[in-house]
Amino acid sequence: MNVKLETHRYGRSLVVRLGGELDLKTAGEFRDAVDRELERHEQIRNIVLIFDEVTFIDSSGLGAILGRYKRASQMGGKLVAAGLTPQIKKIFELSGLLKIIPVCDSETRALELV
């Protein structure tokens, strides 16, 4: 299955709406798409990931998310997640990502945090 990726800029933030599965087969596509946007728009400092249509994340997907978190930190910005379903929130909790990545209910709230 493919991952669905939609991106748009909001000020100094890159908003990425994800759908489908973020796994071994799709993590590279996600990573490359985000990195491409960051390189094209040097003024972007923050990344907001919207997960409301994500159905599954494995360790490869978690690694890709963590890598984008580190990249945002290196740029002097933040990575914030929003719209986590209960299943995806549980994966974040079990993996420890909830301890380092702020999570919001909505894109609007996430953009207020960055």
N, C-alpha and C. Protein backbone atom coordinates (compact mmCIF):
# COMPACT_ATOMS: atom_id res chain seq x y z
N MET A 1 0.84 -1.19 0.00
CA MET A 1 0.00 0.00 0.00
C MET A 1 0.88 1.24 0.00
N ASN A 2 0.44 2.28 -0.64
CA ASN A 2 1.17 3.54 -0.68
C ASN A 2 0.75 4.45 0.46
N VAL A 3 1.66 5.34 0.79
CA VAL A 3 1.33 6.37 1.76
C VAL A 3 0.80 7.57 0.97
N LYS A 4 -0.21 8.21 1.52
CA LYS A 4 -0.75 9.43 0.91
C LYS A 4 -0.04 10.61 1.57
N LEU A 5 0.47 11.51 0.73
CA LEU A 5 1.19 12.68 1.23
C LEU A 5 0.65 13.94 0.57
N GLU A 6 0.22 14.88 1.38
CA GLU A 6 -0.16 16.20 0.87
C GLU A 6 0.60 17.22 1.70
N THR A 7 1.26 18.15 1.04
CA THR A 7 2.04 19.15 1.77
C THR A 7 1.58 20.56 1.39
N HIS A 8 1.67 21.44 2.36
CA HIS A 8 1.51 22.87 2.09
C HIS A 8 2.28 23.65 3.14
N ARG A 9 2.63 24.87 2.78
CA ARG A 9 3.35 25.73 3.71
C ARG A 9 2.37 26.64 4.43
N TYR A 10 2.69 26.92 5.67
CA TYR A 10 1.94 27.89 6.45
C TYR A 10 2.99 28.71 7.21
N GLY A 11 3.30 29.89 6.71
CA GLY A 11 4.36 30.69 7.31
C GLY A 11 5.69 29.96 7.23
N ARG A 12 6.30 29.76 8.38
CA ARG A 12 7.59 29.06 8.44
C ARG A 12 7.43 27.58 8.75
N SER A 13 6.23 27.06 8.52
CA SER A 13 5.94 25.66 8.81
C SER A 13 5.56 24.89 7.56
N LEU A 14 5.99 23.65 7.52
CA LEU A 14 5.58 22.71 6.49
C LEU A 14 4.54 21.80 7.11
N VAL A 15 3.35 21.77 6.53
CA VAL A 15 2.27 20.90 7.01
C VAL A 15 2.21 19.70 6.08
N VAL A 16 2.28 18.50 6.66
CA VAL A 16 2.25 17.26 5.89
C VAL A 16 1.07 16.43 6.38
N ARG A 17 0.09 16.22 5.50
CA ARG A 17 -1.06 15.37 5.83
C ARG A 17 -0.77 13.99 5.26
N LEU A 18 -0.79 13.02 6.16
CA LEU A 18 -0.46 11.64 5.80
C LEU A 18 -1.70 10.77 5.81
N GLY A 19 -1.68 9.73 4.98
CA GLY A 19 -2.75 8.75 4.97
C GLY A 19 -2.21 7.40 4.57
N GLY A 20 -2.90 6.35 4.96
CA GLY A 20 -2.47 5.00 4.63
C GLY A 20 -1.47 4.46 5.64
N GLU A 21 -0.51 3.69 5.14
CA GLU A 21 0.47 3.04 6.00
C GLU A 21 1.83 3.70 5.86
N LEU A 22 2.47 3.95 6.99
CA LEU A 22 3.82 4.48 7.02
C LEU A 22 4.71 3.34 7.53
N ASP A 23 5.29 2.61 6.58
CA ASP A 23 6.02 1.39 6.93
C ASP A 23 7.29 1.27 6.10
N LEU A 24 7.89 0.09 6.12
CA LEU A 24 9.13 -0.16 5.41
C LEU A 24 9.04 0.25 3.94
N LYS A 25 7.90 -0.01 3.32
CA LYS A 25 7.73 0.29 1.90
C LYS A 25 7.52 1.77 1.61
N THR A 26 7.02 2.52 2.57
CA THR A 26 6.64 3.91 2.31
C THR A 26 7.43 4.95 3.10
N ALA A 27 8.20 4.53 4.10
CA ALA A 27 8.93 5.48 4.94
C ALA A 27 9.91 6.32 4.13
N GLY A 28 10.57 5.71 3.15
CA GLY A 28 11.51 6.45 2.31
C GLY A 28 10.82 7.52 1.48
N GLU A 29 9.65 7.19 0.97
CA GLU A 29 8.87 8.15 0.19
C GLU A 29 8.49 9.36 1.06
N PHE A 30 8.05 9.08 2.28
CA PHE A 30 7.72 10.15 3.23
C PHE A 30 8.94 11.01 3.53
N ARG A 31 10.05 10.35 3.89
CA ARG A 31 11.29 11.06 4.22
C ARG A 31 11.74 11.95 3.06
N ASP A 32 11.77 11.38 1.86
CA ASP A 32 12.23 12.12 0.69
C ASP A 32 11.32 13.30 0.36
N ALA A 33 10.02 13.12 0.47
CA ALA A 33 9.07 14.20 0.17
C ALA A 33 9.24 15.37 1.13
N VAL A 34 9.37 15.06 2.42
CA VAL A 34 9.55 16.13 3.41
C VAL A 34 10.89 16.82 3.19
N ASP A 35 11.95 16.05 3.01
CA ASP A 35 13.27 16.65 2.82
C ASP A 35 13.32 17.52 1.56
N ARG A 36 12.66 17.08 0.51
CA ARG A 36 12.61 17.85 -0.74
C ARG A 36 11.95 19.22 -0.50
N GLU A 37 10.84 19.22 0.24
CA GLU A 37 10.16 20.48 0.54
C GLU A 37 11.02 21.39 1.41
N LEU A 38 11.73 20.81 2.37
CA LEU A 38 12.59 21.61 3.24
C LEU A 38 13.74 22.24 2.44
N GLU A 39 14.26 21.51 1.48
CA GLU A 39 15.34 22.04 0.65
C GLU A 39 14.84 23.12 -0.31
N ARG A 40 13.62 22.96 -0.81
CA ARG A 40 13.04 23.94 -1.75
C ARG A 40 12.68 25.25 -1.06
N HIS A 41 12.33 25.18 0.21
CA HIS A 41 11.84 26.36 0.94
C HIS A 41 12.70 26.54 2.19
N GLU A 42 13.82 27.23 2.04
CA GLU A 42 14.80 27.35 3.12
C GLU A 42 14.26 28.08 4.35
N GLN A 43 13.20 28.86 4.20
CA GLN A 43 12.66 29.61 5.33
C GLN A 43 11.85 28.73 6.29
N ILE A 44 11.51 27.52 5.88
CA ILE A 44 10.73 26.62 6.74
C ILE A 44 11.60 26.15 7.91
N ARG A 45 11.04 26.22 9.10
CA ARG A 45 11.73 25.76 10.31
C ARG A 45 10.96 24.66 11.04
N ASN A 46 9.66 24.63 10.86
CA ASN A 46 8.81 23.72 11.63
C ASN A 46 8.11 22.72 10.71
N ILE A 47 7.82 21.56 11.28
CA ILE A 47 7.09 20.53 10.55
C ILE A 47 5.88 20.13 11.38
N VAL A 48 4.71 20.15 10.75
CA VAL A 48 3.48 19.68 11.39
C VAL A 48 3.01 18.46 10.61
N LEU A 49 2.93 17.33 11.29
CA LEU A 49 2.49 16.09 10.67
C LEU A 49 1.07 15.78 11.11
N ILE A 50 0.18 15.58 10.14
CA ILE A 50 -1.23 15.29 10.42
C ILE A 50 -1.46 13.81 10.13
N PHE A 51 -1.88 13.07 11.14
CA PHE A 51 -1.97 11.61 11.06
C PHE A 51 -3.40 11.08 11.01
N ASP A 52 -4.41 11.92 10.82
CA ASP A 52 -5.79 11.46 10.97
C ASP A 52 -6.22 10.38 9.98
N GLU A 53 -5.48 10.20 8.89
CA GLU A 53 -5.82 9.15 7.92
C GLU A 53 -4.78 8.03 7.87
N VAL A 54 -3.87 8.01 8.83
CA VAL A 54 -2.85 6.96 8.89
C VAL A 54 -3.44 5.74 9.59
N THR A 55 -3.26 4.58 8.97
CA THR A 55 -3.84 3.35 9.53
C THR A 55 -2.81 2.46 10.22
N PHE A 56 -1.52 2.67 9.92
CA PHE A 56 -0.49 1.80 10.48
C PHE A 56 0.87 2.48 10.40
N ILE A 57 1.69 2.29 11.43
CA ILE A 57 3.09 2.75 11.42
C ILE A 57 3.94 1.62 12.00
N ASP A 58 5.04 1.28 11.29
CA ASP A 58 5.98 0.30 11.85
C ASP A 58 7.27 1.02 12.25
N SER A 59 8.29 0.25 12.61
CA SER A 59 9.53 0.84 13.10
C SER A 59 10.21 1.70 12.04
N SER A 60 10.09 1.35 10.77
CA SER A 60 10.67 2.17 9.71
C SER A 60 9.97 3.53 9.64
N GLY A 61 8.67 3.53 9.78
CA GLY A 61 7.92 4.78 9.81
C GLY A 61 8.27 5.63 11.01
N LEU A 62 8.41 4.98 12.18
CA LEU A 62 8.80 5.70 13.38
C LEU A 62 10.18 6.32 13.21
N GLY A 63 11.09 5.57 12.58
CA GLY A 63 12.43 6.09 12.33
C GLY A 63 12.42 7.30 11.41
N ALA A 64 11.57 7.26 10.39
CA ALA A 64 11.45 8.39 9.47
C ALA A 64 10.88 9.62 10.18
N ILE A 65 9.91 9.41 11.06
CA ILE A 65 9.35 10.52 11.84
C ILE A 65 10.43 11.10 12.75
N LEU A 66 11.15 10.24 13.45
CA LEU A 66 12.21 10.70 14.36
C LEU A 66 13.29 11.46 13.59
N GLY A 67 13.62 11.00 12.41
CA GLY A 67 14.60 11.71 11.58
C GLY A 67 14.15 13.10 11.21
N ARG A 68 12.86 13.27 10.90
CA ARG A 68 12.34 14.60 10.58
C ARG A 68 12.30 15.47 11.83
N TYR A 69 12.04 14.86 12.99
CA TYR A 69 12.10 15.59 14.26
C TYR A 69 13.51 16.16 14.47
N LYS A 70 14.51 15.32 14.25
CA LYS A 70 15.90 15.77 14.41
C LYS A 70 16.24 16.86 13.41
N ARG A 71 15.75 16.72 12.20
CA ARG A 71 16.02 17.73 11.17
C ARG A 71 15.40 19.06 11.56
N ALA A 72 14.16 19.04 12.03
CA ALA A 72 13.52 20.29 12.47
C ALA A 72 14.30 20.91 13.62
N SER A 73 14.75 20.10 14.56
CA SER A 73 15.53 20.61 15.69
C SER A 73 16.83 21.25 15.22
N GLN A 74 17.50 20.62 14.25
CA GLN A 74 18.75 21.16 13.71
C GLN A 74 18.53 22.50 13.01
N MET A 75 17.33 22.70 12.47
CA MET A 75 17.00 23.96 11.79
C MET A 75 16.52 25.03 12.77
N GLY A 76 16.48 24.69 14.06
CA GLY A 76 16.01 25.63 15.06
C GLY A 76 14.50 25.67 15.19
N GLY A 77 13.84 24.63 14.70
CA GLY A 77 12.38 24.58 14.74
C GLY A 77 11.86 23.41 15.55
N LYS A 78 10.59 23.10 15.32
CA LYS A 78 9.91 22.03 16.05
C LYS A 78 9.20 21.11 15.07
N LEU A 79 8.95 19.90 15.52
CA LEU A 79 8.04 18.99 14.83
C LEU A 79 6.89 18.72 15.79
N VAL A 80 5.68 18.90 15.30
CA VAL A 80 4.47 18.67 16.09
C VAL A 80 3.57 17.72 15.31
N ALA A 81 2.95 16.79 16.02
CA ALA A 81 2.03 15.83 15.40
C ALA A 81 0.60 16.19 15.78
N ALA A 82 -0.33 15.92 14.87
CA ALA A 82 -1.74 16.21 15.14
C ALA A 82 -2.62 15.13 14.53
N GLY A 83 -3.83 15.00 15.09
CA GLY A 83 -4.82 14.10 14.52
C GLY A 83 -4.50 12.63 14.68
N LEU A 84 -3.82 12.26 15.74
CA LEU A 84 -3.49 10.85 15.94
C LEU A 84 -4.75 10.06 16.30
N THR A 85 -4.98 8.98 15.59
CA THR A 85 -6.06 8.06 15.95
C THR A 85 -5.64 7.34 17.23
N PRO A 86 -6.56 6.71 17.95
CA PRO A 86 -6.17 5.97 19.15
C PRO A 86 -5.09 4.92 18.88
N GLN A 87 -5.18 4.23 17.75
CA GLN A 87 -4.19 3.20 17.41
C GLN A 87 -2.81 3.83 17.20
N ILE A 88 -2.75 4.91 16.46
CA ILE A 88 -1.47 5.57 16.18
C ILE A 88 -0.92 6.22 17.44
N LYS A 89 -1.78 6.78 18.28
CA LYS A 89 -1.32 7.36 19.54
C LYS A 89 -0.70 6.28 20.42
N LYS A 90 -1.27 5.10 20.42
CA LYS A 90 -0.72 3.98 21.20
C LYS A 90 0.67 3.61 20.69
N ILE A 91 0.85 3.59 19.37
CA ILE A 91 2.17 3.30 18.79
C ILE A 91 3.17 4.38 19.21
N PHE A 92 2.76 5.64 19.19
CA PHE A 92 3.63 6.73 19.65
C PHE A 92 4.00 6.53 21.12
N GLU A 93 3.02 6.13 21.91
CA GLU A 93 3.26 5.94 23.34
C GLU A 93 4.24 4.79 23.58
N LEU A 94 3.99 3.65 22.96
CA LEU A 94 4.85 2.48 23.16
C LEU A 94 6.27 2.71 22.67
N SER A 95 6.42 3.51 21.63
CA SER A 95 7.75 3.76 21.05
C SER A 95 8.52 4.85 21.79
N GLY A 96 7.84 5.61 22.63
CA GLY A 96 8.49 6.71 23.34
C GLY A 96 8.41 8.04 22.61
N LEU A 97 7.82 8.08 21.41
CA LEU A 97 7.72 9.34 20.67
C LEU A 97 6.85 10.37 21.39
N LEU A 98 5.87 9.90 22.16
CA LEU A 98 5.01 10.85 22.89
C LEU A 98 5.80 11.68 23.89
N LYS A 99 6.95 11.17 24.33
CA LYS A 99 7.77 11.90 25.30
C LYS A 99 8.56 13.04 24.65
N ILE A 100 8.78 12.96 23.33
CA ILE A 100 9.61 13.98 22.70
C ILE A 100 8.88 14.84 21.66
N ILE A 101 7.81 14.31 21.09
CA ILE A 101 7.08 15.04 20.05
C ILE A 101 5.74 15.53 20.62
N PRO A 102 5.52 16.85 20.61
CA PRO A 102 4.23 17.36 21.06
C PRO A 102 3.10 16.85 20.15
N VAL A 103 1.97 16.51 20.75
CA VAL A 103 0.83 15.99 20.01
C VAL A 103 -0.38 16.87 20.30
N CYS A 104 -1.10 17.24 19.23
CA CYS A 104 -2.30 18.08 19.34
C CYS A 104 -3.47 17.38 18.67
N ASP A 105 -4.67 17.83 19.01
CA ASP A 105 -5.87 17.27 18.41
C ASP A 105 -6.10 17.75 16.99
N SER A 106 -5.63 18.97 16.67
CA SER A 106 -5.95 19.55 15.37
C SER A 106 -4.75 20.23 14.74
N GLU A 107 -4.83 20.41 13.44
CA GLU A 107 -3.80 21.15 12.70
C GLU A 107 -3.70 22.58 13.22
N THR A 108 -4.84 23.20 13.49
CA THR A 108 -4.86 24.57 13.99
C THR A 108 -4.08 24.70 15.28
N ARG A 109 -4.34 23.81 16.21
CA ARG A 109 -3.64 23.83 17.50
C ARG A 109 -2.14 23.57 17.31
N ALA A 110 -1.80 22.63 16.42
CA ALA A 110 -0.40 22.32 16.16
C ALA A 110 0.34 23.55 15.62
N LEU A 111 -0.31 24.28 14.72
CA LEU A 111 0.31 25.48 14.16
C LEU A 111 0.49 26.57 15.20
N GLU A 112 -0.36 26.57 16.23
CA GLU A 112 -0.21 27.53 17.32
C GLU A 112 1.03 27.22 18.16
N LEU A 113 1.42 25.94 18.21
CA LEU A 113 2.56 25.53 19.04
C LEU A 113 3.92 25.79 18.39
N VAL A 114 3.94 25.94 17.08
CA VAL A 114 5.24 26.07 16.40
C VAL A 114 5.65 27.50 16.18
